[in-house]
């Protein structure tokens, strides 16, 4: 009697097909999860930047502006010119708005992400922290205002993260 040692061609093909199907399912699932992680990371970075600016104002951080020293800092969003980034700035002339010479850095979101402020309704949104408390100015208004910023995936607008900041300085992410 002969003993066959090995696999038949059909057994090998079936095994390879099963491995291919499982690999493709795993690969497609990981791409969706990767996009969710990129969105979450961008929302956390924005939240951390807002808290950092708030702490700079509370800690009496200083920036020299044309010979003057300022302790007020803010973040600037613009729906049209900055759809995938935002600016961190020093409020040199204490007008609670960004001027072009005051920009400390621009923060770009990851590829395929978009950012838009929902409230208040103007095209641009300025959030400025003024020491010592710090007081929060949202588009130049000190009390009663709330800023809402939304980050979403360009390929899937149903996946969004929302960051809210109120005039008391409370920052929350949904």
C-alpha atoms as a PDB file:
ATOM      1  CA  UNK A   1       0.000   0.000   0.000  1.00  0.00           C
ATOM      2  CA  UNK A   2       1.133   3.447  -0.932  1.00  0.00           C
ATOM      3  CA  UNK A   3       0.760   6.302   1.510  1.00  0.00           C
ATOM      4  CA  UNK A   4       0.342   9.698  -0.085  1.00  0.00           C
ATOM      5  CA  UNK A   5       2.100  12.399   1.843  1.00  0.00           C
ATOM      6  CA  UNK A   6       1.040  15.894   0.869  1.00  0.00           C
ATOM      7  CA  UNK A   7      -1.941  17.948  -0.180  1.00  0.00           C
ATOM      8  CA  UNK A   8      -3.923  17.821  -3.351  1.00  0.00           C
ATOM      9  CA  UNK A   9      -4.051  20.813  -5.654  1.00  0.00           C
ATOM     10  CA  UNK A  10      -7.698  21.476  -4.774  1.00  0.00           C
ATOM     11  CA  UNK A  11      -6.916  21.537  -1.035  1.00  0.00           C
ATOM     12  CA  UNK A  12      -4.143  24.064  -1.603  1.00  0.00           C
ATOM     13  CA  UNK A  13      -6.357  26.310  -3.782  1.00  0.00           C
ATOM     14  CA  UNK A  14      -9.215  26.257  -1.257  1.00  0.00           C
ATOM     15  CA  UNK A  15      -6.805  27.173   1.550  1.00  0.00           C
ATOM     16  CA  UNK A  16      -5.325  30.047  -0.477  1.00  0.00           C
ATOM     17  CA  UNK A  17      -8.797  31.414  -1.311  1.00  0.00           C
ATOM     18  CA  UNK A  18      -9.835  31.319   2.358  1.00  0.00           C
ATOM     19  CA  UNK A  19      -6.637  33.117   3.408  1.00  0.00           C
ATOM     20  CA  UNK A  20      -7.168  35.718   0.663  1.00  0.00           C
ATOM     21  CA  UNK A  21     -10.768  36.414   1.749  1.00  0.00           C
ATOM     22  CA  UNK A  22      -9.799  36.773   5.412  1.00  0.00           C
ATOM     23  CA  UNK A  23      -6.876  39.065   4.547  1.00  0.00           C
ATOM     24  CA  UNK A  24      -9.026  41.351   2.404  1.00  0.00           C
ATOM     25  CA  UNK A  25     -11.677  41.640   5.128  1.00  0.00           C
ATOM     26  CA  UNK A  26      -8.999  42.516   7.670  1.00  0.00           C
ATOM     27  CA  UNK A  27      -7.364  45.042   5.329  1.00  0.00           C
ATOM     28  CA  UNK A  28     -10.635  46.820   4.457  1.00  0.00           C
ATOM     29  CA  UNK A  29     -11.679  46.967   8.109  1.00  0.00           C
ATOM     30  CA  UNK A  30      -8.343  48.411   9.200  1.00  0.00           C
ATOM     31  CA  UNK A  31      -8.574  51.269   6.653  1.00  0.00           C
ATOM     32  CA  UNK A  32     -11.890  52.430   8.128  1.00  0.00           C
ATOM     33  CA  UNK A  33     -10.493  52.211  11.658  1.00  0.00           C
ATOM     34  CA  UNK A  34      -7.389  54.120  10.584  1.00  0.00           C
ATOM     35  CA  UNK A  35      -9.540  56.997   9.314  1.00  0.00           C
ATOM     36  CA  UNK A  36     -11.455  57.073  12.605  1.00  0.00           C
ATOM     37  CA  UNK A  37      -8.171  57.251  14.503  1.00  0.00           C
ATOM     38  CA  UNK A  38      -6.941  60.144  12.331  1.00  0.00           C
ATOM     39  CA  UNK A  39     -10.183  62.025  13.066  1.00  0.00           C
ATOM     40  CA  UNK A  40      -9.927  61.377  16.815  1.00  0.00           C
ATOM     41  CA  UNK A  41      -6.275  62.453  16.858  1.00  0.00           C
ATOM     42  CA  UNK A  42      -7.070  65.733  15.082  1.00  0.00           C
ATOM     43  CA  UNK A  43      -9.874  66.487  17.561  1.00  0.00           C
ATOM     44  CA  UNK A  44      -7.564  65.771  20.514  1.00  0.00           C
ATOM     45  CA  UNK A  45      -4.818  67.969  19.046  1.00  0.00           C
ATOM     46  CA  UNK A  46      -7.254  70.879  18.621  1.00  0.00           C
ATOM     47  CA  UNK A  47      -8.554  70.422  22.167  1.00  0.00           C
ATOM     48  CA  UNK A  48      -4.993  70.328  23.514  1.00  0.00           C
ATOM     49  CA  UNK A  49      -4.051  73.450  21.541  1.00  0.00           C
ATOM     50  CA  UNK A  50      -7.042  75.309  22.992  1.00  0.00           C
ATOM     51  CA  UNK A  51      -6.017  74.251  26.497  1.00  0.00           C
ATOM     52  CA  UNK A  52      -2.398  75.227  25.807  1.00  0.00           C
ATOM     53  CA  UNK A  53      -3.453  78.720  24.695  1.00  0.00           C
ATOM     54  CA  UNK A  54      -5.661  79.019  27.773  1.00  0.00           C
ATOM     55  CA  UNK A  55      -2.744  78.011  30.011  1.00  0.00           C
ATOM     56  CA  UNK A  56      -0.421  80.492  28.267  1.00  0.00           C
ATOM     57  CA  UNK A  57      -2.831  83.289  29.165  1.00  0.00           C
ATOM     58  CA  UNK A  58      -3.322  82.014  32.729  1.00  0.00           C
ATOM     59  CA  UNK A  59       0.414  81.537  33.245  1.00  0.00           C
ATOM     60  CA  UNK A  60       1.182  85.053  32.025  1.00  0.00           C
ATOM     61  CA  UNK A  61       3.060  83.825  28.978  1.00  0.00           C
ATOM     62  CA  UNK A  62       4.682  86.688  27.098  1.00  0.00           C
ATOM     63  CA  UNK A  63       5.265  87.437  23.440  1.00  0.00           C
ATOM     64  CA  UNK A  64       7.025  90.547  22.196  1.00  0.00           C
ATOM     65  CA  UNK A  65       4.990  92.441  19.604  1.00  0.00           C
ATOM     66  CA  UNK A  66       6.643  95.475  18.011  1.00  0.00           C
ATOM     67  CA  UNK A  67       8.314  96.416  21.280  1.00  0.00           C
ATOM     68  CA  UNK A  68       5.179  95.780  23.350  1.00  0.00           C
ATOM     69  CA  UNK A  69       4.542  92.658  25.405  1.00  0.00           C
ATOM     70  CA  UNK A  70       1.240  90.809  25.236  1.00  0.00           C
ATOM     71  CA  UNK A  71      -0.218  88.146  27.479  1.00  0.00           C
ATOM     72  CA  UNK A  72      -3.338  87.437  25.387  1.00  0.00           C
ATOM     73  CA  UNK A  73      -3.446  84.484  23.032  1.00  0.00           C
ATOM     74  CA  UNK A  74      -5.997  83.026  20.684  1.00  0.00           C
ATOM     75  CA  UNK A  75      -6.936  80.629  17.928  1.00  0.00           C
ATOM     76  CA  UNK A  76      -8.364  81.617  14.550  1.00  0.00           C
ATOM     77  CA  UNK A  77     -10.587  79.627  12.179  1.00  0.00           C
ATOM     78  CA  UNK A  78     -11.725  80.670   8.709  1.00  0.00           C
ATOM     79  CA  UNK A  79     -14.235  78.662   6.656  1.00  0.00           C
ATOM     80  CA  UNK A  80     -12.859  79.660   3.247  1.00  0.00           C
ATOM     81  CA  UNK A  81      -9.120  80.324   3.535  1.00  0.00           C
ATOM     82  CA  UNK A  82      -8.348  77.693   6.224  1.00  0.00           C
ATOM     83  CA  UNK A  83     -10.631  74.676   5.555  1.00  0.00           C
ATOM     84  CA  UNK A  84      -8.025  72.192   6.818  1.00  0.00           C
ATOM     85  CA  UNK A  85      -6.046  74.191   9.402  1.00  0.00           C
ATOM     86  CA  UNK A  86      -6.196  76.868  12.093  1.00  0.00           C
ATOM     87  CA  UNK A  87      -3.888  79.587  13.392  1.00  0.00           C
ATOM     88  CA  UNK A  88      -2.561  80.158  16.896  1.00  0.00           C
ATOM     89  CA  UNK A  89      -1.802  83.824  17.488  1.00  0.00           C
ATOM     90  CA  UNK A  90      -0.759  86.414  20.058  1.00  0.00           C
ATOM     91  CA  UNK A  91      -3.243  89.281  20.448  1.00  0.00           C
ATOM     92  CA  UNK A  92      -0.711  92.116  20.265  1.00  0.00           C
ATOM     93  CA  UNK A  93      -3.121  95.043  20.039  1.00  0.00           C
ATOM     94  CA  UNK A  94      -5.714  93.599  22.473  1.00  0.00           C
ATOM     95  CA  UNK A  95      -8.577  93.850  19.983  1.00  0.00           C
ATOM     96  CA  UNK A  96      -9.582  90.174  20.491  1.00  0.00           C
ATOM     97  CA  UNK A  97      -9.015  89.475  16.769  1.00  0.00           C
ATOM     98  CA  UNK A  98      -6.123  88.031  14.768  1.00  0.00           C
ATOM     99  CA  UNK A  99      -3.872  90.321  12.767  1.00  0.00           C
ATOM    100  CA  UNK A 100      -1.497  88.909  10.127  1.00  0.00           C
ATOM    101  CA  UNK A 101       1.701  89.819  12.006  1.00  0.00           C
ATOM    102  CA  UNK A 102       0.589  88.098  15.225  1.00  0.00           C
ATOM    103  CA  UNK A 103       0.533  84.459  14.025  1.00  0.00           C
ATOM    104  CA  UNK A 104       2.636  82.137  16.200  1.00  0.00           C
ATOM    105  CA  UNK A 105       1.974  78.962  14.188  1.00  0.00           C
ATOM    106  CA  UNK A 106      -0.399  77.284  11.766  1.00  0.00           C
ATOM    107  CA  UNK A 107      -1.692  73.834  12.640  1.00  0.00           C
ATOM    108  CA  UNK A 108      -2.635  71.590   9.703  1.00  0.00           C
ATOM    109  CA  UNK A 109      -5.064  68.745  10.146  1.00  0.00           C
ATOM    110  CA  UNK A 110      -4.331  65.318   8.729  1.00  0.00           C
ATOM    111  CA  UNK A 111      -4.939  64.488   5.094  1.00  0.00           C
ATOM    112  CA  UNK A 112      -8.602  64.129   4.206  1.00  0.00           C
ATOM    113  CA  UNK A 113      -9.855  66.117   7.202  1.00  0.00           C
ATOM    114  CA  UNK A 114     -11.825  69.362   7.143  1.00  0.00           C
ATOM    115  CA  UNK A 115     -12.567  71.838   9.899  1.00  0.00           C
ATOM    116  CA  UNK A 116     -15.389  74.322  10.190  1.00  0.00           C
ATOM    117  CA  UNK A 117     -16.770  76.403  12.991  1.00  0.00           C
ATOM    118  CA  UNK A 118     -20.502  76.068  13.378  1.00  0.00           C
ATOM    119  CA  UNK A 119     -21.172  78.832  15.882  1.00  0.00           C
ATOM    120  CA  UNK A 120     -21.050  81.788  15.896  1.00  0.00           C
ATOM    121  CA  UNK A 121     -22.171  82.206  12.267  1.00  0.00           C
ATOM    122  CA  UNK A 122     -19.609  84.670  10.729  1.00  0.00           C
ATOM    123  CA  UNK A 123     -17.023  83.410   8.219  1.00  0.00           C
ATOM    124  CA  UNK A 124     -14.155  83.721  10.730  1.00  0.00           C
ATOM    125  CA  UNK A 125     -13.976  82.636  14.349  1.00  0.00           C
ATOM    126  CA  UNK A 126     -11.565  84.156  16.887  1.00  0.00           C
ATOM    127  CA  UNK A 127     -11.256  82.646  20.351  1.00  0.00           C
ATOM    128  CA  UNK A 128      -9.026  84.803  22.568  1.00  0.00           C
ATOM    129  CA  UNK A 129      -7.931  84.178  26.157  1.00  0.00           C
ATOM    130  CA  UNK A 130      -7.081  87.323  28.131  1.00  0.00           C
ATOM    131  CA  UNK A 131      -5.369  87.065  31.555  1.00  0.00           C
ATOM    132  CA  UNK A 132      -5.590  86.901  34.512  1.00  0.00           C
ATOM    133  CA  UNK A 133      -8.674  84.623  34.815  1.00  0.00           C
ATOM    134  CA  UNK A 134      -8.466  84.181  31.729  1.00  0.00           C
ATOM    135  CA  UNK A 135     -11.481  85.852  30.215  1.00  0.00           C
ATOM    136  CA  UNK A 136     -12.612  84.246  26.966  1.00  0.00           C
ATOM    137  CA  UNK A 137     -13.609  86.378  24.008  1.00  0.00           C
ATOM    138  CA  UNK A 138     -15.408  84.590  21.194  1.00  0.00           C
ATOM    139  CA  UNK A 139     -15.464  86.897  18.154  1.00  0.00           C
ATOM    140  CA  UNK A 140     -14.944  89.867  20.452  1.00  0.00           C
ATOM    141  CA  UNK A 141     -17.836  89.001  22.812  1.00  0.00           C
ATOM    142  CA  UNK A 142     -16.881  88.277  26.415  1.00  0.00           C
ATOM    143  CA  UNK A 143     -19.964  86.672  27.926  1.00  0.00           C
ATOM    144  CA  UNK A 144     -22.767  84.446  26.759  1.00  0.00           C
ATOM    145  CA  UNK A 145     -21.031  83.317  23.576  1.00  0.00           C
ATOM    146  CA  UNK A 146     -20.077  79.775  22.684  1.00  0.00           C
ATOM    147  CA  UNK A 147     -17.742  78.580  19.952  1.00  0.00           C
ATOM    148  CA  UNK A 148     -18.426  75.279  18.228  1.00  0.00           C
ATOM    149  CA  UNK A 149     -15.870  73.734  15.906  1.00  0.00           C
ATOM    150  CA  UNK A 150     -16.490  70.598  13.862  1.00  0.00           C
ATOM    151  CA  UNK A 151     -13.865  68.306  12.311  1.00  0.00           C
ATOM    152  CA  UNK A 152     -14.942  65.681   9.791  1.00  0.00           C
ATOM    153  CA  UNK A 153     -13.619  63.217   7.260  1.00  0.00           C
ATOM    154  CA  UNK A 154     -13.821  64.585   3.740  1.00  0.00           C
ATOM    155  CA  UNK A 155     -14.575  61.107   2.365  1.00  0.00           C
ATOM    156  CA  UNK A 156     -17.273  60.440   4.988  1.00  0.00           C
ATOM    157  CA  UNK A 157     -18.918  63.627   6.343  1.00  0.00           C
ATOM    158  CA  UNK A 158     -21.071  61.564   8.711  1.00  0.00           C
ATOM    159  CA  UNK A 159     -17.989  60.929  10.866  1.00  0.00           C
ATOM    160  CA  UNK A 160     -17.442  64.117  12.841  1.00  0.00           C
ATOM    161  CA  UNK A 161     -15.978  65.327  16.110  1.00  0.00           C
ATOM    162  CA  UNK A 162     -17.247  68.528  17.714  1.00  0.00           C
ATOM    163  CA  UNK A 163     -15.313  70.756  20.101  1.00  0.00           C
ATOM    164  CA  UNK A 164     -17.184  73.378  22.117  1.00  0.00           C
ATOM    165  CA  UNK A 165     -15.811  76.246  24.168  1.00  0.00           C
ATOM    166  CA  UNK A 166     -17.930  78.610  26.196  1.00  0.00           C
ATOM    167  CA  UNK A 167     -17.231  82.082  27.532  1.00  0.00           C
ATOM    168  CA  UNK A 168     -16.220  80.645  30.914  1.00  0.00           C
ATOM    169  CA  UNK A 169     -13.359  78.774  29.225  1.00  0.00           C
ATOM    170  CA  UNK A 170     -14.814  75.273  29.430  1.00  0.00           C
ATOM    171  CA  UNK A 171     -13.579  73.140  26.541  1.00  0.00           C
ATOM    172  CA  UNK A 172     -15.354  69.887  25.725  1.00  0.00           C
ATOM    173  CA  UNK A 173     -15.163  67.373  22.919  1.00  0.00           C
ATOM    174  CA  UNK A 174     -18.132  65.334  21.690  1.00  0.00           C
END
